[in-house]
PDB file of N, CA and C in Angstrom:
ATOM      1  N   ASN A   1      29.393 -13.343   2.925  1.00  0.00           N
ATOM      2  CA  ASN A   1      29.819 -14.479   3.709  1.00  0.00           C
ATOM      3  C   ASN A   1      28.903 -15.684   3.474  1.00  0.00           C
ATOM      4  N   GLY A   2      27.886 -15.531   2.663  1.00  0.00           N
ATOM      5  CA  GLY A   2      27.010 -16.634   2.314  1.00  0.00           C
ATOM      6  C   GLY A   2      25.886 -16.914   3.289  1.00  0.00           C
ATOM      7  N   ASP A   3      25.782 -16.112   4.357  1.00  0.00           N
ATOM      8  CA  ASP A   3      24.697 -16.324   5.322  1.00  0.00           C
ATOM      9  C   ASP A   3      23.371 -15.916   4.714  1.00  0.00           C
ATOM     10  N   MET A   4      22.355 -16.704   5.006  1.00  0.00           N
ATOM     11  CA  MET A   4      21.006 -16.381   4.535  1.00  0.00           C
ATOM     12  C   MET A   4      20.302 -15.571   5.613  1.00  0.00           C
ATOM     13  N   VAL A   5      19.509 -14.613   5.182  1.00  0.00           N
ATOM     14  CA  VAL A   5      18.738 -13.784   6.091  1.00  0.00           C
ATOM     15  C   VAL A   5      17.261 -13.986   5.773  1.00  0.00           C
ATOM     16  N   ARG A   6      16.477 -14.293   6.793  1.00  0.00           N
ATOM     17  CA  ARG A   6      15.048 -14.463   6.609  1.00  0.00           C
ATOM     18  C   ARG A   6      14.382 -13.097   6.701  1.00  0.00           C
ATOM     19  N   THR A   7      13.529 -12.804   5.743  1.00  0.00           N
ATOM     20  CA  THR A   7      12.780 -11.550   5.750  1.00  0.00           C
ATOM     21  C   THR A   7      11.289 -11.860   5.733  1.00  0.00           C
ATOM     22  N   LEU A   8      10.526 -10.897   6.170  1.00  0.00           N
ATOM     23  CA  LEU A   8       9.076 -11.029   6.190  1.00  0.00           C
ATOM     24  C   LEU A   8       8.490  -9.756   5.593  1.00  0.00           C
ATOM     25  N   SER A   9       7.637  -9.905   4.600  1.00  0.00           N
ATOM     26  CA  SER A   9       6.977  -8.764   3.965  1.00  0.00           C
ATOM     27  C   SER A   9       5.513  -8.744   4.368  1.00  0.00           C
ATOM     28  N   ILE A  10       5.030  -7.572   4.755  1.00  0.00           N
ATOM     29  CA  ILE A  10       3.646  -7.382   5.164  1.00  0.00           C
ATOM     30  C   ILE A  10       2.889  -6.715   4.008  1.00  0.00           C
ATOM     31  N   TRP A  11       1.782  -7.322   3.602  1.00  0.00           N
ATOM     32  CA  TRP A  11       0.949  -6.789   2.526  1.00  0.00           C
ATOM     33  C   TRP A  11      -0.451  -6.506   3.056  1.00  0.00           C
ATOM     34  N   GLU A  12      -1.086  -5.500   2.503  1.00  0.00           N
ATOM     35  CA  GLU A  12      -2.496  -5.218   2.778  1.00  0.00           C
ATOM     36  C   GLU A  12      -3.256  -5.437   1.472  1.00  0.00           C
ATOM     37  N   LEU A  13      -4.276  -6.305   1.509  1.00  0.00           N
ATOM     38  CA  LEU A  13      -5.051  -6.630   0.316  1.00  0.00           C
ATOM     39  C   LEU A  13      -6.462  -6.079   0.449  1.00  0.00           C
ATOM     40  N   LYS A  14      -6.910  -5.416  -0.596  1.00  0.00           N
ATOM     41  CA  LYS A  14      -8.288  -4.922  -0.688  1.00  0.00           C
ATOM     42  C   LYS A  14      -8.900  -5.487  -1.966  1.00  0.00           C
ATOM     43  N   SER A  15     -10.179  -5.397  -2.083  1.00  0.00           N
ATOM     44  CA  SER A  15     -10.879  -6.040  -3.205  1.00  0.00           C
ATOM     45  C   SER A  15     -10.584  -5.342  -4.539  1.00  0.00           C
ATOM     46  N   PRO A  16     -10.727  -6.095  -5.626  1.00  0.00           N
ATOM     47  CA  PRO A  16     -10.562  -5.505  -6.953  1.00  0.00           C
ATOM     48  C   PRO A  16     -11.591  -4.415  -7.250  1.00  0.00           C
ATOM     49  N   GLN A  17     -12.724  -4.439  -6.552  1.00  0.00           N
ATOM     50  CA  GLN A  17     -13.765  -3.437  -6.774  1.00  0.00           C
ATOM     51  C   GLN A  17     -13.458  -2.112  -6.066  1.00  0.00           C
ATOM     52  N   SER A  18     -12.444  -2.087  -5.242  1.00  0.00           N
ATOM     53  CA  SER A  18     -12.125  -0.871  -4.484  1.00  0.00           C
ATOM     54  C   SER A  18     -11.718   0.275  -5.411  1.00  0.00           C
ATOM     55  N   ILE A  19     -12.234   1.447  -5.105  1.00  0.00           N
ATOM     56  CA  ILE A  19     -11.848   2.655  -5.821  1.00  0.00           C
ATOM     57  C   ILE A  19     -10.548   3.161  -5.201  1.00  0.00           C
ATOM     58  N   ILE A  20      -9.595   3.535  -6.026  1.00  0.00           N
ATOM     59  CA  ILE A  20      -8.275   3.946  -5.540  1.00  0.00           C
ATOM     60  C   ILE A  20      -8.230   5.446  -5.281  1.00  0.00           C
ATOM     61  N   MET A  21      -8.716   6.236  -6.208  1.00  0.00           N
ATOM     62  CA  MET A  21      -8.672   7.695  -6.087  1.00  0.00           C
ATOM     63  C   MET A  21     -10.084   8.254  -6.234  1.00  0.00           C
ATOM     64  N   GLU A  22     -10.312   9.428  -5.623  1.00  0.00           N
ATOM     65  CA  GLU A  22     -11.604  10.106  -5.769  1.00  0.00           C
ATOM     66  C   GLU A  22     -11.349  11.582  -6.038  1.00  0.00           C
ATOM     67  N   ALA A  23     -12.286  12.209  -6.705  1.00  0.00           N
ATOM     68  CA  ALA A  23     -12.160  13.632  -7.022  1.00  0.00           C
ATOM     69  C   ALA A  23     -12.258  14.462  -5.746  1.00  0.00           C
ATOM     70  N   ASP A  24     -11.516  15.579  -5.709  1.00  0.00           N
ATOM     71  CA  ASP A  24     -11.636  16.469  -4.550  1.00  0.00           C
ATOM     72  C   ASP A  24     -12.943  17.248  -4.653  1.00  0.00           C
ATOM     73  N   ASP A  25     -13.196  18.113  -3.683  1.00  0.00           N
ATOM     74  CA  ASP A  25     -14.468  18.839  -3.626  1.00  0.00           C
ATOM     75  C   ASP A  25     -14.725  19.712  -4.843  1.00  0.00           C
ATOM     76  N   ASN A  26     -13.664  20.217  -5.473  1.00  0.00           N
ATOM     77  CA  ASN A  26     -13.814  21.069  -6.659  1.00  0.00           C
ATOM     78  C   ASN A  26     -13.744  20.273  -7.955  1.00  0.00           C
ATOM     79  N   HIS A  27     -13.533  18.966  -7.837  1.00  0.00           N
ATOM     80  CA  HIS A  27     -13.386  18.081  -9.000  1.00  0.00           C
ATOM     81  C   HIS A  27     -12.250  18.514  -9.918  1.00  0.00           C
ATOM     82  N   SER A  28     -11.228  19.146  -9.337  1.00  0.00           N
ATOM     83  CA  SER A  28     -10.093  19.590 -10.136  1.00  0.00           C
ATOM     84  C   SER A  28      -8.826  18.789  -9.839  1.00  0.00           C
ATOM     85  N   ARG A  29      -8.832  18.036  -8.743  1.00  0.00           N
ATOM     86  CA  ARG A  29      -7.687  17.211  -8.363  1.00  0.00           C
ATOM     87  C   ARG A  29      -8.207  15.879  -7.843  1.00  0.00           C
ATOM     88  N   TRP A  30      -7.271  14.939  -7.656  1.00  0.00           N
ATOM     89  CA  TRP A  30      -7.616  13.612  -7.160  1.00  0.00           C
ATOM     90  C   TRP A  30      -6.937  13.379  -5.828  1.00  0.00           C
ATOM     91  N   ARG A  31      -7.646  12.738  -4.927  1.00  0.00           N
ATOM     92  CA  ARG A  31      -7.092  12.402  -3.612  1.00  0.00           C
ATOM     93  C   ARG A  31      -7.321  10.911  -3.377  1.00  0.00           C
ATOM     94  N   PRO A  32      -6.597  10.337  -2.405  1.00  0.00           N
ATOM     95  CA  PRO A  32      -6.820   8.913  -2.124  1.00  0.00           C
ATOM     96  C   PRO A  32      -8.238   8.680  -1.606  1.00  0.00           C
ATOM     97  N   SER A  33      -8.813   7.588  -2.019  1.00  0.00           N
ATOM     98  CA  SER A  33     -10.151   7.230  -1.535  1.00  0.00           C
ATOM     99  C   SER A  33     -10.062   6.832  -0.066  1.00  0.00           C
ATOM    100  N   ARG A  34     -11.215   6.760   0.580  1.00  0.00           N
ATOM    101  CA  ARG A  34     -11.238   6.279   1.976  1.00  0.00           C
ATOM    102  C   ARG A  34     -10.658   4.878   2.070  1.00  0.00           C
ATOM    103  N   GLY A  35     -10.955   4.057   1.071  1.00  0.00           N
ATOM    104  CA  GLY A  35     -10.431   2.689   1.064  1.00  0.00           C
ATOM    105  C   GLY A  35      -8.919   2.653   0.993  1.00  0.00           C
ATOM    106  N   LEU A  36      -8.319   3.547   0.192  1.00  0.00           N
ATOM    107  CA  LEU A  36      -6.867   3.596   0.086  1.00  0.00           C
ATOM    108  C   LEU A  36      -6.255   4.111   1.386  1.00  0.00           C
ATOM    109  N   ILE A  37      -6.852   5.140   1.969  1.00  0.00           N
ATOM    110  CA  ILE A  37      -6.346   5.654   3.246  1.00  0.00           C
ATOM    111  C   ILE A  37      -6.416   4.559   4.314  1.00  0.00           C
ATOM    112  N   LYS A  38      -7.503   3.798   4.320  1.00  0.00           N
ATOM    113  CA  LYS A  38      -7.647   2.700   5.279  1.00  0.00           C
ATOM    114  C   LYS A  38      -6.566   1.647   5.038  1.00  0.00           C
ATOM    115  N   ALA A  39      -6.310   1.306   3.785  1.00  0.00           N
ATOM    116  CA  ALA A  39      -5.276   0.316   3.458  1.00  0.00           C
ATOM    117  C   ALA A  39      -3.898   0.794   3.903  1.00  0.00           C
ATOM    118  N   GLU A  40      -3.585   2.074   3.655  1.00  0.00           N
ATOM    119  CA  GLU A  40      -2.300   2.631   4.084  1.00  0.00           C
ATOM    120  C   GLU A  40      -2.155   2.559   5.596  1.00  0.00           C
ATOM    121  N   THR A  41      -3.206   2.960   6.298  1.00  0.00           N
ATOM    122  CA  THR A  41      -3.183   2.961   7.765  1.00  0.00           C
ATOM    123  C   THR A  41      -3.023   1.547   8.307  1.00  0.00           C
ATOM    124  N   GLN A  42      -3.767   0.606   7.755  1.00  0.00           N
ATOM    125  CA  GLN A  42      -3.673  -0.784   8.214  1.00  0.00           C
ATOM    126  C   GLN A  42      -2.273  -1.351   7.957  1.00  0.00           C
ATOM    127  N   LEU A  43      -1.719  -1.085   6.782  1.00  0.00           N
ATOM    128  CA  LEU A  43      -0.390  -1.587   6.466  1.00  0.00           C
ATOM    129  C   LEU A  43       0.635  -1.054   7.464  1.00  0.00           C
ATOM    130  N   LEU A  44       0.599   0.231   7.731  1.00  0.00           N
ATOM    131  CA  LEU A  44       1.553   0.818   8.673  1.00  0.00           C
ATOM    132  C   LEU A  44       1.374   0.249  10.072  1.00  0.00           C
ATOM    133  N   HIS A  45       0.133   0.062  10.496  1.00  0.00           N
ATOM    134  CA  HIS A  45      -0.142  -0.505  11.813  1.00  0.00           C
ATOM    135  C   HIS A  45       0.369  -1.953  11.900  1.00  0.00           C
ATOM    136  N   TYR A  46       0.058  -2.769  10.898  1.00  0.00           N
ATOM    137  CA  TYR A  46       0.496  -4.165  10.905  1.00  0.00           C
ATOM    138  C   TYR A  46       2.021  -4.256  10.917  1.00  0.00           C
ATOM    139  N   LEU A  47       2.677  -3.402  10.143  1.00  0.00           N
ATOM    140  CA  LEU A  47       4.134  -3.393  10.079  1.00  0.00           C
ATOM    141  C   LEU A  47       4.735  -3.031  11.440  1.00  0.00           C
ATOM    142  N   TYR A  48       4.215  -1.986  12.050  1.00  0.00           N
ATOM    143  CA  TYR A  48       4.686  -1.546  13.360  1.00  0.00           C
ATOM    144  C   TYR A  48       4.479  -2.654  14.397  1.00  0.00           C
ATOM    145  N   THR A  49       3.304  -3.250  14.412  1.00  0.00           N
ATOM    146  CA  THR A  49       2.985  -4.303  15.371  1.00  0.00           C
ATOM    147  C   THR A  49       3.878  -5.527  15.167  1.00  0.00           C
ATOM    148  N   ALA A  50       4.093  -5.918  13.912  1.00  0.00           N
ATOM    149  CA  ALA A  50       4.920  -7.093  13.619  1.00  0.00           C
ATOM    150  C   ALA A  50       6.355  -6.889  14.085  1.00  0.00           C
ATOM    151  N   ARG A  51       6.862  -5.681  13.945  1.00  0.00           N
ATOM    152  CA  ARG A  51       8.241  -5.409  14.368  1.00  0.00           C
ATOM    153  C   ARG A  51       8.410  -5.478  15.886  1.00  0.00           C
ATOM    154  N   LEU A  52       7.321  -5.347  16.632  1.00  0.00           N
ATOM    155  CA  LEU A  52       7.380  -5.403  18.095  1.00  0.00           C
ATOM    156  C   LEU A  52       6.986  -6.771  18.664  1.00  0.00           C
ATOM    157  N   ASP A  53       6.511  -7.667  17.833  1.00  0.00           N
ATOM    158  CA  ASP A  53       5.941  -8.938  18.277  1.00  0.00           C
ATOM    159  C   ASP A  53       7.002 -10.030  18.413  1.00  0.00           C
ATOM    160  N   GLY A  54       7.489 -10.221  19.631  1.00  0.00           N
ATOM    161  CA  GLY A  54       8.516 -11.227  19.894  1.00  0.00           C
ATOM    162  C   GLY A  54       8.085 -12.633  19.524  1.00  0.00           C
ATOM    163  N   ALA A  55       6.821 -12.972  19.763  1.00  0.00           N
ATOM    164  CA  ALA A  55       6.329 -14.311  19.413  1.00  0.00           C
ATOM    165  C   ALA A  55       6.405 -14.529  17.906  1.00  0.00           C
ATOM    166  N   LEU A  56       6.076 -13.533  17.128  1.00  0.00           N
ATOM    167  CA  LEU A  56       6.164 -13.627  15.665  1.00  0.00           C
ATOM    168  C   LEU A  56       7.621 -13.811  15.251  1.00  0.00           C
ATOM    169  N   HIS A  57       8.540 -13.069  15.866  1.00  0.00           N
ATOM    170  CA  HIS A  57       9.967 -13.176  15.534  1.00  0.00           C
ATOM    171  C   HIS A  57      10.466 -14.602  15.781  1.00  0.00           C
ATOM    172  N   ARG A  58      10.080 -15.171  16.920  1.00  0.00           N
ATOM    173  CA  ARG A  58      10.519 -16.540  17.247  1.00  0.00           C
ATOM    174  C   ARG A  58       9.854 -17.563  16.325  1.00  0.00           C
ATOM    175  N   ARG A  59       8.581 -17.403  16.097  1.00  0.00           N
ATOM    176  CA  ARG A  59       7.848 -18.379  15.286  1.00  0.00           C
ATOM    177  C   ARG A  59       8.410 -18.480  13.864  1.00  0.00           C
ATOM    178  N   TYR A  60       8.723 -17.329  13.262  1.00  0.00           N
ATOM    179  CA  TYR A  60       9.199 -17.323  11.872  1.00  0.00           C
ATOM    180  C   TYR A  60      10.711 -17.151  11.751  1.00  0.00           C
ATOM    181  N   GLY A  61      11.387 -17.003  12.876  1.00  0.00           N
ATOM    182  CA  GLY A  61      12.844 -16.867  12.846  1.00  0.00           C
ATOM    183  C   GLY A  61      13.306 -15.626  12.103  1.00  0.00           C
ATOM    184  N   VAL A  62      12.624 -14.519  12.355  1.00  0.00           N
ATOM    185  CA  VAL A  62      12.943 -13.284  11.649  1.00  0.00           C
ATOM    186  C   VAL A  62      13.244 -12.186  12.666  1.00  0.00           C
ATOM    187  N   LEU A  63      14.241 -11.368  12.373  1.00  0.00           N
ATOM    188  CA  LEU A  63      14.587 -10.241  13.231  1.00  0.00           C
ATOM    189  C   LEU A  63      13.688  -9.050  12.894  1.00  0.00           C
ATOM    190  N   PRO A  64      13.387  -8.202  13.878  1.00  0.00           N
ATOM    191  CA  PRO A  64      12.508  -7.045  13.630  1.00  0.00           C
ATOM    192  C   PRO A  64      12.970  -6.165  12.465  1.00  0.00           C
ATOM    193  N   GLU A  65      14.282  -5.982  12.332  1.00  0.00           N
ATOM    194  CA  GLU A  65      14.786  -5.118  11.253  1.00  0.00           C
ATOM    195  C   GLU A  65      14.635  -5.749   9.867  1.00  0.00           C
ATOM    196  N   ASN A  66      14.273  -7.026   9.827  1.00  0.00           N
ATOM    197  CA  ASN A  66      14.053  -7.702   8.550  1.00  0.00           C
ATOM    198  C   ASN A  66      12.577  -7.889   8.220  1.00  0.00           C
ATOM    199  N   ILE A  67      11.737  -7.192   8.970  1.00  0.00           N
ATOM    200  CA  ILE A  67      10.309  -7.169   8.665  1.00  0.00           C
ATOM    201  C   ILE A  67      10.035  -5.867   7.931  1.00  0.00           C
ATOM    202  N   MET A  68       9.544  -5.977   6.719  1.00  0.00           N
ATOM    203  CA  MET A  68       9.380  -4.781   5.892  1.00  0.00           C
ATOM    204  C   MET A  68       8.016  -4.747   5.212  1.00  0.00           C
ATOM    205  N   SER A  69       7.724  -3.597   4.686  1.00  0.00           N
ATOM    206  CA  SER A  69       6.477  -3.428   3.960  1.00  0.00           C
ATOM    207  C   SER A  69       6.562  -4.132   2.619  1.00  0.00           C
ATOM    208  N   GLY A  70       5.545  -4.929   2.320  1.00  0.00           N
ATOM    209  CA  GLY A  70       5.404  -5.469   0.979  1.00  0.00           C
ATOM    210  C   GLY A  70       4.690  -4.427   0.137  1.00  0.00           C
ATOM    211  N   GLY A  71       3.503  -4.043   0.606  1.00  0.00           N
ATOM    212  CA  GLY A  71       2.757  -3.018  -0.099  1.00  0.00           C
ATOM    213  C   GLY A  71       1.256  -3.219   0.004  1.00  0.00           C
ATOM    214  N   ILE A  72       0.570  -2.623  -0.940  1.00  0.00           N
ATOM    215  CA  ILE A  72      -0.895  -2.630  -0.987  1.00  0.00           C
ATOM    216  C   ILE A  72      -1.317  -3.184  -2.340  1.00  0.00           C
ATOM    217  N   VAL A  73      -2.308  -4.079  -2.316  1.00  0.00           N
ATOM    218  CA  VAL A  73      -2.925  -4.577  -3.551  1.00  0.00           C
ATOM    219  C   VAL A  73      -4.404  -4.226  -3.456  1.00  0.00           C
ATOM    220  N   MET A  74      -4.882  -3.437  -4.412  1.00  0.00           N
ATOM    221  CA  MET A  74      -6.306  -3.066  -4.414  1.00  0.00           C
ATOM    222  C   MET A  74      -6.702  -2.538  -5.784  1.00  0.00           C
ATOM    223  N   GLY A  75      -7.997  -2.508  -6.028  1.00  0.00           N
ATOM    224  CA  GLY A  75      -8.507  -1.961  -7.282  1.00  0.00           C
ATOM    225  C   GLY A  75      -8.074  -2.783  -8.486  1.00  0.00           C
ATOM    226  N   ARG A  76      -8.322  -2.206  -9.644  1.00  0.00           N
ATOM    227  CA  ARG A  76      -7.906  -2.835 -10.901  1.00  0.00           C
ATOM    228  C   ARG A  76      -7.158  -1.815 -11.737  1.00  0.00           C
ATOM    229  N   HIS A  77      -6.334  -2.291 -12.635  1.00  0.00           N
ATOM    230  CA  HIS A  77      -5.516  -1.399 -13.447  1.00  0.00           C
ATOM    231  C   HIS A  77      -6.339  -0.498 -14.374  1.00  0.00           C
ATOM    232  N   ASP A  78      -7.585  -0.851 -14.600  1.00  0.00           N
ATOM    233  CA  ASP A  78      -8.413  -0.047 -15.502  1.00  0.00           C
ATOM    234  C   ASP A  78      -9.471   0.786 -14.778  1.00  0.00           C
ATOM    235  N   THR A  79      -9.504   0.722 -13.448  1.00  0.00           N
ATOM    236  CA  THR A  79     -10.476   1.522 -12.686  1.00  0.00           C
ATOM    237  C   THR A  79      -9.783   2.210 -11.510  1.00  0.00           C
ATOM    238  N   TRP A  80      -9.149   3.314 -11.783  1.00  0.00           N
ATOM    239  CA  TRP A  80      -8.456   4.084 -10.744  1.00  0.00           C
ATOM    240  C   TRP A  80      -9.429   4.940  -9.955  1.00  0.00           C
ATOM    241  N   CYS A  81     -10.592   5.211 -10.556  1.00  0.00           N
ATOM    242  CA  CYS A  81     -11.594   6.044  -9.889  1.00  0.00           C
ATOM    243  C   CYS A  81     -12.974   5.556 -10.323  1.00  0.00           C
ATOM    244  N   ALA A  82     -14.008   6.230  -9.851  1.00  0.00           N
ATOM    245  CA  ALA A  82     -15.369   5.875 -10.245  1.00  0.00           C
ATOM    246  C   ALA A  82     -15.497   5.945 -11.772  1.00  0.00           C
ATOM    247  N   ALA A  83     -16.435   5.184 -12.296  1.00  0.00           N
ATOM    248  CA  ALA A  83     -16.593   5.065 -13.748  1.00  0.00           C
ATOM    249  C   ALA A  83     -16.778   6.407 -14.452  1.00  0.00           C
ATOM    250  N   THR A  84     -17.339   7.388 -13.757  1.00  0.00           N
ATOM    251  CA  THR A  84     -17.594   8.685 -14.388  1.00  0.00           C
ATOM    252  C   THR A  84     -16.370   9.600 -14.370  1.00  0.00           C
ATOM    253  N   GLY A  85     -15.300   9.179 -13.728  1.00  0.00           N
ATOM    254  CA  GLY A  85     -14.124  10.034 -13.586  1.00  0.00           C
ATOM    255  C   GLY A  85     -13.104   9.846 -14.693  1.00  0.00           C
ATOM    256  N   ASP A  86     -12.132  10.723 -14.711  1.00  0.00           N
ATOM    257  CA  ASP A  86     -11.038  10.695 -15.689  1.00  0.00           C
ATOM    258  C   ASP A  86      -9.971   9.727 -15.182  1.00  0.00           C
ATOM    259  N   GLN A  87      -9.967   8.517 -15.719  1.00  0.00           N
ATOM    260  CA  GLN A  87      -9.052   7.469 -15.266  1.00  0.00           C
ATOM    261  C   GLN A  87      -7.583   7.882 -15.397  1.00  0.00           C
ATOM    262  N   ALA A  88      -7.238   8.527 -16.493  1.00  0.00           N
ATOM    263  CA  ALA A  88      -5.842   8.912 -16.718  1.00  0.00           C
ATOM    264  C   ALA A  88      -5.367   9.927 -15.676  1.00  0.00           C
ATOM    265  N   SER A  89      -6.205  10.901 -15.356  1.00  0.00           N
ATOM    266  CA  SER A  89      -5.837  11.903 -14.346  1.00  0.00           C
ATOM    267  C   SER A  89      -5.732  11.280 -12.953  1.00  0.00           C
ATOM    268  N   ALA A  90      -6.640  10.372 -12.642  1.00  0.00           N
ATOM    269  CA  ALA A  90      -6.603   9.695 -11.343  1.00  0.00           C
ATOM    270  C   ALA A  90      -5.331   8.855 -11.226  1.00  0.00           C
ATOM    271  N   LYS A  91      -4.975   8.168 -12.301  1.00  0.00           N
ATOM    272  CA  LYS A  91      -3.758   7.345 -12.290  1.00  0.00           C
ATOM    273  C   LYS A  91      -2.521   8.223 -12.140  1.00  0.00           C
ATOM    274  N   LEU A  92      -2.495   9.363 -12.825  1.00  0.00           N
ATOM    275  CA  LEU A  92      -1.367  10.296 -12.702  1.00  0.00           C
ATOM    276  C   LEU A  92      -1.240  10.798 -11.265  1.00  0.00           C
ATOM    277  N   SER A  93      -2.348  11.154 -10.642  1.00  0.00           N
ATOM    278  CA  SER A  93      -2.320  11.613  -9.253  1.00  0.00           C
ATOM    279  C   SER A  93      -1.777  10.531  -8.334  1.00  0.00           C
ATOM    280  N   HIS A  94      -2.169   9.292  -8.588  1.00  0.00           N
ATOM    281  CA  HIS A  94      -1.645   8.198  -7.771  1.00  0.00           C
ATOM    282  C   HIS A  94      -0.147   8.013  -8.002  1.00  0.00           C
ATOM    283  N   SER A  95       0.310   8.187  -9.224  1.00  0.00           N
ATOM    284  CA  SER A  95       1.747   8.084  -9.517  1.00  0.00           C
ATOM    285  C   SER A  95       2.543   9.144  -8.751  1.00  0.00           C
ATOM    286  N   ILE A  96       2.004  10.344  -8.682  1.00  0.00           N
ATOM    287  CA  ILE A  96       2.653  11.421  -7.927  1.00  0.00           C
ATOM    288  C   ILE A  96       2.721  11.033  -6.456  1.00  0.00           C
ATOM    289  N   ARG A  97       1.625  10.496  -5.927  1.00  0.00           N
ATOM    290  CA  ARG A  97       1.584  10.040  -4.527  1.00  0.00           C
ATOM    291  C   ARG A  97       2.614   8.932  -4.293  1.00  0.00           C
ATOM    292  N   SER A  98       2.706   8.014  -5.225  1.00  0.00           N
ATOM    293  CA  SER A  98       3.666   6.917  -5.093  1.00  0.00           C
ATOM    294  C   SER A  98       5.101   7.423  -5.029  1.00  0.00           C
ATOM    295  N   GLU A  99       5.438   8.349  -5.901  1.00  0.00           N
ATOM    296  CA  GLU A  99       6.801   8.907  -5.907  1.00  0.00           C
ATOM    297  C   GLU A  99       7.111   9.659  -4.615  1.00  0.00           C
ATOM    298  N   ALA A 100       6.133  10.392  -4.099  1.00  0.00           N
ATOM    299  CA  ALA A 100       6.358  11.217  -2.909  1.00  0.00           C
ATOM    300  C   ALA A 100       6.337  10.411  -1.616  1.00  0.00           C
ATOM    301  N   PHE A 101       5.461   9.416  -1.526  1.00  0.00           N
ATOM    302  CA  PHE A 101       5.257   8.724  -0.260  1.00  0.00           C
ATOM    303  C   PHE A 101       5.651   7.246  -0.286  1.00  0.00           C
ATOM    304  N   TYR A 102       5.147   6.507  -1.261  1.00  0.00           N
ATOM    305  CA  TYR A 102       5.346   5.059  -1.236  1.00  0.00           C
ATOM    306  C   TYR A 102       6.796   4.661  -1.503  1.00  0.00           C
ATOM    307  N   ARG A 103       7.361   5.165  -2.579  1.00  0.00           N
ATOM    308  CA  ARG A 103       8.717   4.751  -2.957  1.00  0.00           C
ATOM    309  C   ARG A 103       9.727   5.012  -1.839  1.00  0.00           C
ATOM    310  N   PRO A 104       9.740   6.229  -1.240  1.00  0.00           N
ATOM    311  CA  PRO A 104      10.711   6.458  -0.153  1.00  0.00           C
ATOM    312  C   PRO A 104      10.486   5.555   1.068  1.00  0.00           C
ATOM    313  N   SER A 105       9.257   5.076   1.253  1.00  0.00           N
ATOM    314  CA  SER A 105       8.925   4.226   2.403  1.00  0.00           C
ATOM    315  C   SER A 105       9.030   2.735   2.087  1.00  0.00           C
ATOM    316  N   GLY A 106       9.342   2.408   0.857  1.00  0.00           N
ATOM    317  CA  GLY A 106       9.443   1.002   0.467  1.00  0.00           C
ATOM    318  C   GLY A 106       8.098   0.314   0.302  1.00  0.00           C
ATOM    319  N   ILE A 107       7.050   1.083   0.089  1.00  0.00           N
ATOM    320  CA  ILE A 107       5.704   0.523  -0.095  1.00  0.00           C
ATOM    321  C   ILE A 107       5.435   0.367  -1.592  1.00  0.00           C
ATOM    322  N   ARG A 108       5.079  -0.823  -1.992  1.00  0.00           N
ATOM    323  CA  ARG A 108       4.694  -1.056  -3.386  1.00  0.00           C
ATOM    324  C   ARG A 108       3.184  -1.015  -3.494  1.00  0.00           C
ATOM    325  N   PHE A 109       2.700  -0.588  -4.634  1.00  0.00           N
ATOM    326  CA  PHE A 109       1.256  -0.555  -4.880  1.00  0.00           C
ATOM    327  C   PHE A 109       0.982  -1.351  -6.139  1.00  0.00           C
ATOM    328  N   LEU A 110       0.110  -2.340  -6.014  1.00  0.00           N
ATOM    329  CA  LEU A 110      -0.269  -3.178  -7.139  1.00  0.00           C
ATOM    330  C   LEU A 110      -1.789  -3.215  -7.263  1.00  0.00           C
ATOM    331  N   THR A 111      -2.252  -3.397  -8.483  1.00  0.00           N
ATOM    332  CA  THR A 111      -3.684  -3.607  -8.714  1.00  0.00           C
ATOM    333  C   THR A 111      -3.893  -5.074  -9.049  1.00  0.00           C
ATOM    334  N   TRP A 112      -5.135  -5.514  -8.943  1.00  0.00           N
ATOM    335  CA  TRP A 112      -5.465  -6.910  -9.251  1.00  0.00           C
ATOM    336  C   TRP A 112      -5.444  -7.144 -10.738  1.00  0.00           C
TER     337      TRP A 112
END
């Protein structure tokens, strides 16, 4: 019908120096770093809060159902883990996490 819909995307930004993945206790698998877990938690909290904030809806002219996750920006494309770690394995583990959790939730993950 040609109507325009205003949307709002919420992003969580962390520094390029942030480590994305860290080795587990046995150094056989990779898990999200504390920084990544914090970014995920903050993004979800901000998204939830924004959807309930009537003042934000009025100020930007956006409906709660049109407020969505933009994603997380952190780390760099060449440093998925600490310098001593296996970058390729850490990146693969993050890809598995993205397919299982981020993609179904509409969360994008970008590096600096």
